[in-house]
Amino acid sequence: MVDVYRYISEKVNEMSKSQRKIALYILSNTESVPFFNVGQLAKMVGVSEATVVRFATFLGYEGYPEFQRAMQEAVKKQLTTVERLKLSDDVYDKEDKAIYEMFNEDVQRIQMMAEQLDLAKFHEAVDAIIQANRIFIIANRSAVSVGSFLEFYFDLMFENAELIRNPHGISEKLFRIDENDVVIGLSFARYTKNTVEAVSFAKDRGTKVIAITDNMLSPLIPYANIALCARSDMPSFIDSFVAPLSLINALITAVGRKKRVEIEQHLEELEDVWERFSIFSPQ
């Protein structure tokens, strides 16, 4: 069968009202829905479980399990930028309505991230960052935006953080990493090969790896000691980093609270320096 998401979008006009509701939810949540069972998807969409099962058979699958496997395979495939652009035309009807739908979808991504967050892993990541001699952040392409944000605050607090974004400089930067360092890999579908190779190298060197990615099928997961997931998918050619950034905000804040005394003193000294160089514009 052709790609499941493309097929769903092509069949939307033939669907009943309830089926269309399921279809639009799936197309707006392509990275998370493949991991929902029938009950979870029915609850999120607001329909009965029987309606979800009938939706799967309407698409030509024997049942929901086969449909779910098809979606998981589609997640592994990763839609191209052009395919994602075409998908946005199918999901959003009117331009003005689409704006508010995007806002609501971002809210849902944060809520889902919060509900699925493994707090034990989150606190383990906080401890690993605090205890590390050096913090290396690996990010490429659009993920550089959130990587840069993470580097700014960790370097502000500890002066030991570095963002590695140049694929040609990764080998030189990571050459001397060891078990006393931590590597934070940031990658979201479509995943960058250089980021995966960097975290793989870090694992081989015995360095603790924290993966911040979109789902448990991410190629970063096999190399991560700690995995934190936040969805970035949206039916468009761009990524939504609202949920990953919210996760990173929580991580930075938790690290800051745990090292409050040391960081407070450090920031007080920095305030004097900032005032000396007139960093901030007067009100």
Protein backbone atom coordinates (compact mmCIF):
# COMPACT_ATOMS: atom_id res chain seq x y z
CA MET A 1 0.00 0.00 0.00
CA VAL A 2 1.20 3.56 -0.68
CA ASP A 3 2.42 5.62 2.26
CA VAL A 4 -0.31 5.45 4.90
CA TYR A 5 -0.42 9.19 5.59
CA ARG A 6 -0.56 10.12 1.92
CA TYR A 7 -3.31 7.53 1.45
CA ILE A 8 -5.32 8.91 4.38
CA SER A 9 -5.09 12.45 2.96
CA GLU A 10 -6.24 11.22 -0.45
CA LYS A 11 -9.31 9.49 1.08
CA VAL A 12 -10.42 12.38 3.32
CA ASN A 13 -13.15 13.56 0.96
CA GLU A 14 -14.73 10.08 0.97
CA MET A 15 -14.89 9.84 4.77
CA SER A 16 -17.78 10.28 7.15
CA LYS A 17 -17.65 13.11 9.70
CA SER A 18 -16.23 10.81 12.41
CA GLN A 19 -13.70 9.27 10.06
CA ARG A 20 -12.54 12.68 8.89
CA LYS A 21 -12.08 13.69 12.53
CA ILE A 22 -9.82 10.66 13.08
CA ALA A 23 -7.94 11.35 9.84
CA LEU A 24 -7.20 14.97 10.68
CA TYR A 25 -5.99 14.04 14.15
CA ILE A 26 -3.67 11.35 12.75
CA LEU A 27 -2.26 13.67 10.07
CA SER A 28 -1.58 16.30 12.72
CA ASN A 29 0.14 13.84 15.08
CA THR A 30 2.13 11.56 12.79
CA GLU A 31 4.89 10.78 15.30
CA SER A 32 2.77 9.96 18.35
CA VAL A 33 -0.35 8.21 16.99
CA PRO A 34 1.57 5.11 15.78
CA PHE A 35 2.20 4.29 19.45
CA PHE A 36 -1.43 4.65 20.56
CA ASN A 37 -3.60 1.62 21.10
CA VAL A 38 -7.23 1.70 19.95
CA GLY A 39 -8.50 3.08 23.26
CA GLN A 40 -5.92 5.84 23.45
CA LEU A 41 -6.58 7.05 19.91
CA ALA A 42 -10.34 6.92 20.44
CA LYS A 43 -10.00 8.97 23.64
CA MET A 44 -7.76 11.60 22.02
CA VAL A 45 -10.07 12.02 19.02
CA GLY A 46 -13.31 11.80 21.00
CA VAL A 47 -14.87 8.84 19.20
CA SER A 48 -15.64 5.23 20.10
CA GLU A 49 -13.11 2.41 19.80
CA ALA A 50 -15.40 0.73 17.26
CA THR A 51 -15.22 3.85 15.10
CA VAL A 52 -11.42 3.69 15.14
CA VAL A 53 -11.46 0.03 14.12
CA ARG A 54 -13.93 0.78 11.30
CA PHE A 55 -11.64 3.59 10.17
CA ALA A 56 -8.76 1.12 9.81
CA THR A 57 -10.89 -1.31 7.79
CA PHE A 58 -12.19 1.57 5.65
CA LEU A 59 -8.58 2.18 4.62
CA GLY A 60 -8.21 -1.45 3.61
CA TYR A 61 -6.47 -2.91 6.68
CA GLU A 62 -7.63 -6.10 8.37
CA GLY A 63 -7.81 -4.32 11.70
CA TYR A 64 -6.19 -1.72 13.89
CA PRO A 65 -2.98 -3.71 14.61
CA GLU A 66 -2.13 -3.87 10.88
CA PHE A 67 -2.97 -0.17 10.51
CA GLN A 68 -0.77 0.66 13.50
CA ARG A 69 2.18 -1.26 12.02
CA ALA A 70 1.76 0.66 8.77
CA MET A 71 1.94 3.96 10.65
CA GLN A 72 5.03 2.86 12.54
CA GLU A 73 6.72 1.93 9.27
CA ALA A 74 5.79 5.35 7.91
CA VAL A 75 7.46 6.99 10.92
CA LYS A 76 10.65 5.09 10.13
CA LYS A 77 10.45 6.16 6.47
CA GLN A 78 10.29 9.87 7.33
CA LEU A 79 8.31 12.10 4.99
CA THR A 80 10.28 14.31 2.62
CA THR A 81 9.96 18.07 2.85
CA VAL A 82 7.84 18.13 -0.32
CA GLU A 83 5.54 15.39 1.02
CA ARG A 84 5.06 17.33 4.24
CA LEU A 85 4.22 20.49 2.31
CA LYS A 86 1.56 18.60 0.34
CA LEU A 87 0.23 17.15 3.59
CA SER A 88 -0.40 20.63 4.98
CA ASP A 89 -2.74 21.39 2.09
CA ASP A 90 -4.83 18.33 2.95
CA VAL A 91 -4.99 19.00 6.71
CA TYR A 92 -5.71 22.71 6.79
CA ASP A 93 -8.74 24.02 4.92
CA LYS A 94 -8.80 27.78 5.40
CA GLU A 95 -5.73 29.92 5.95
CA ASP A 96 -7.06 31.85 8.98
CA LYS A 97 -8.46 28.71 10.60
CA ALA A 98 -5.13 26.95 10.06
CA ILE A 99 -3.34 29.55 12.19
CA TYR A 100 -5.47 28.77 15.24
CA GLU A 101 -5.33 25.04 14.55
CA MET A 102 -1.51 25.24 14.67
CA PHE A 103 -1.66 27.04 18.03
CA ASN A 104 -3.95 24.37 19.45
CA GLU A 105 -1.80 21.57 18.10
CA ASP A 106 1.29 23.04 19.79
CA VAL A 107 -0.61 23.13 23.07
CA GLN A 108 -1.51 19.46 22.57
CA ARG A 109 2.13 18.58 21.85
CA ILE A 110 3.23 20.11 25.15
CA GLN A 111 0.43 18.37 27.05
CA MET A 112 1.30 15.02 25.51
CA MET A 113 4.99 15.50 26.25
CA ALA A 114 4.18 16.28 29.87
CA GLU A 115 1.88 13.27 30.22
CA GLN A 116 4.44 10.87 28.76
CA LEU A 117 7.52 12.31 30.46
CA ASP A 118 9.59 9.77 32.39
CA LEU A 119 10.40 11.77 35.52
CA ALA A 120 13.04 9.31 36.68
CA LYS A 121 14.90 9.72 33.38
CA PHE A 122 14.44 13.48 33.53
CA HIS A 123 16.05 13.70 36.98
CA GLU A 124 18.78 11.30 35.85
CA ALA A 125 19.55 13.72 33.00
CA VAL A 126 19.68 16.64 35.45
CA ASP A 127 22.18 14.80 37.67
CA ALA A 128 24.33 13.78 34.68
CA ILE A 129 24.54 17.39 33.48
CA ILE A 130 25.45 18.71 36.93
CA GLN A 131 28.15 16.11 37.46
CA ALA A 132 29.74 16.42 34.02
CA ASN A 133 33.17 17.95 33.54
CA ARG A 134 32.14 19.12 30.08
CA ILE A 135 28.81 19.30 28.26
CA PHE A 136 28.82 18.75 24.51
CA ILE A 137 25.60 19.51 22.61
CA ILE A 138 25.28 17.92 19.17
CA ALA A 139 22.75 19.46 16.78
CA ASN A 140 22.47 20.00 13.06
CA ARG A 141 20.16 21.76 10.63
CA SER A 142 16.98 23.14 12.25
CA ALA A 143 17.80 21.47 15.59
CA VAL A 144 20.68 23.95 15.94
CA SER A 145 18.10 26.52 17.05
CA VAL A 146 17.21 24.62 20.22
CA GLY A 147 20.80 23.43 20.66
CA SER A 148 22.01 27.03 20.69
CA PHE A 149 19.43 27.94 23.34
CA LEU A 150 20.53 25.01 25.50
CA GLU A 151 24.21 25.89 25.11
CA PHE A 152 23.64 29.54 26.03
CA TYR A 153 22.13 28.77 29.42
CA PHE A 154 24.35 25.84 30.37
CA ASP A 155 27.45 27.83 29.47
CA LEU A 156 26.09 30.77 31.41
CA MET A 157 25.67 28.55 34.47
CA PHE A 158 28.72 26.27 34.24
CA GLU A 159 31.07 27.71 31.55
CA ASN A 160 31.67 24.16 30.31
CA ALA A 161 29.08 23.76 27.53
CA GLU A 162 29.75 23.73 23.81
CA LEU A 163 27.47 23.35 20.82
CA ILE A 164 28.93 21.27 18.01
CA ARG A 165 27.09 21.97 14.78
CA ASN A 166 29.74 21.67 12.08
CA PRO A 167 29.75 18.05 10.90
CA HIS A 168 33.37 18.38 9.79
CA GLY A 169 34.49 19.46 13.25
CA ILE A 170 32.76 16.76 15.29
CA SER A 171 35.71 14.35 15.27
CA GLU A 172 38.15 17.00 16.51
CA LYS A 173 35.76 18.32 19.17
CA LEU A 174 34.85 14.89 20.56
CA PHE A 175 38.32 13.36 20.26
CA ARG A 176 39.11 13.60 24.00
CA ILE A 177 35.70 12.93 25.53
CA ASP A 178 35.55 10.38 28.33
CA GLU A 179 33.24 8.99 31.00
CA ASN A 180 33.39 12.25 32.96
CA ASP A 181 31.68 14.24 30.19
CA VAL A 182 28.13 14.24 28.89
CA VAL A 183 26.92 14.48 25.30
CA ILE A 184 23.42 15.78 24.56
CA GLY A 185 22.21 14.78 21.10
CA LEU A 186 19.34 16.73 19.56
CA SER A 187 17.70 15.34 16.46
CA PHE A 188 14.16 15.10 15.11
CA ALA A 189 12.68 13.54 11.99
CA ARG A 190 14.21 13.77 9.48
CA TYR A 191 17.23 12.76 11.57
CA THR A 192 20.68 13.96 10.59
CA LYS A 193 23.31 11.29 10.00
CA ASN A 194 26.09 13.38 11.57
CA THR A 195 24.23 13.67 14.87
CA VAL A 196 23.60 9.92 15.01
CA GLU A 197 27.27 9.18 14.25
CA ALA A 198 28.41 11.62 16.95
CA VAL A 199 26.31 10.08 19.72
CA SER A 200 27.38 6.62 18.56
CA PHE A 201 31.01 7.68 18.93
CA ALA A 202 30.30 9.13 22.37
CA LYS A 203 28.76 5.87 23.54
CA ASP A 204 31.80 3.93 22.31
CA ARG A 205 34.02 6.24 24.39
CA GLY A 206 32.02 5.51 27.54
CA THR A 207 30.53 9.00 27.68
CA LYS A 208 27.02 9.37 29.05
CA VAL A 209 24.63 10.26 26.22
CA ILE A 210 21.37 12.16 26.67
CA ALA A 211 19.09 12.03 23.62
CA ILE A 212 16.45 14.71 23.17
CA THR A 213 14.37 13.50 20.25
CA ASP A 214 10.82 12.97 19.03
CA ASN A 215 9.98 9.31 19.66
CA MET A 216 11.37 5.94 20.72
CA LEU A 217 11.98 4.89 17.10
CA SER A 218 14.52 7.68 16.70
CA PRO A 219 17.98 6.43 15.58
CA LEU A 220 19.48 8.24 18.59
CA ILE A 221 17.75 5.91 21.06
CA PRO A 222 20.10 2.87 20.71
CA TYR A 223 23.07 5.05 21.73
CA ALA A 224 21.40 6.95 24.57
CA ASN A 225 21.81 6.27 28.28
CA ILE A 226 18.92 8.64 28.86
CA ALA A 227 16.18 9.42 26.34
CA LEU A 228 13.75 12.34 26.63
CA CYS A 229 11.06 12.64 23.97
CA ALA A 230 9.06 15.61 22.75
CA ARG A 231 7.18 15.69 19.48
CA SER A 232 8.21 18.05 16.71
CA ASP A 233 5.91 16.81 13.94
CA MET A 234 3.36 19.00 12.26
CA PRO A 235 1.67 18.73 8.86
CA SER A 236 3.99 21.25 7.25
CA PHE A 237 7.46 21.45 5.74
CA ILE A 238 8.80 22.91 9.01
CA ASP A 239 9.26 21.38 12.45
CA SER A 240 7.45 22.52 15.57
CA PHE A 241 10.00 22.91 18.37
CA VAL A 242 7.47 24.21 20.89
CA ALA A 243 7.36 20.94 22.88
CA PRO A 244 11.14 20.22 22.68
CA LEU A 245 11.86 23.78 23.78
CA SER A 246 9.42 23.43 26.67
CA LEU A 247 11.25 20.26 27.71
CA ILE A 248 14.59 22.06 27.47
CA ASN A 249 13.22 24.95 29.54
CA ALA A 250 12.25 22.48 32.26
CA LEU A 251 15.67 20.82 32.08
CA ILE A 252 17.55 24.12 32.39
CA THR A 253 15.32 25.26 35.26
CA ALA A 254 15.72 21.96 37.14
CA VAL A 255 19.50 22.11 36.78
CA GLY A 256 19.49 25.72 37.98
CA ARG A 257 17.38 24.92 41.04
CA LYS A 258 19.61 22.03 42.03
CA LYS A 259 22.78 24.17 41.80
CA ARG A 260 21.13 27.37 42.94
CA VAL A 261 23.77 28.55 45.44
CA GLU A 262 26.71 28.20 43.05
CA ILE A 263 24.82 29.58 40.07
CA GLU A 264 23.41 32.51 42.05
CA GLN A 265 26.89 33.63 43.03
CA HIS A 266 28.11 33.18 39.47
CA LEU A 267 25.24 35.25 38.07
CA GLU A 268 25.81 38.03 40.61
CA GLU A 269 29.39 38.34 39.38
CA LEU A 270 28.19 38.34 35.79
CA GLU A 271 25.73 41.17 36.54
CA ASP A 272 28.68 43.37 37.47
CA VAL A 273 30.42 42.50 34.21
CA TRP A 274 27.27 43.12 32.17
CA GLU A 275 26.84 46.51 33.83
CA ARG A 276 30.50 47.40 33.15
CA PHE A 277 30.09 46.68 29.44
CA SER A 278 26.54 48.11 29.25
CA ILE A 279 25.19 44.88 27.80
CA PHE A 280 21.53 45.72 28.30
CA SER A 281 19.71 48.73 26.97
CA PRO A 282 18.28 51.08 29.64
CA GLN A 283 14.49 51.07 30.03
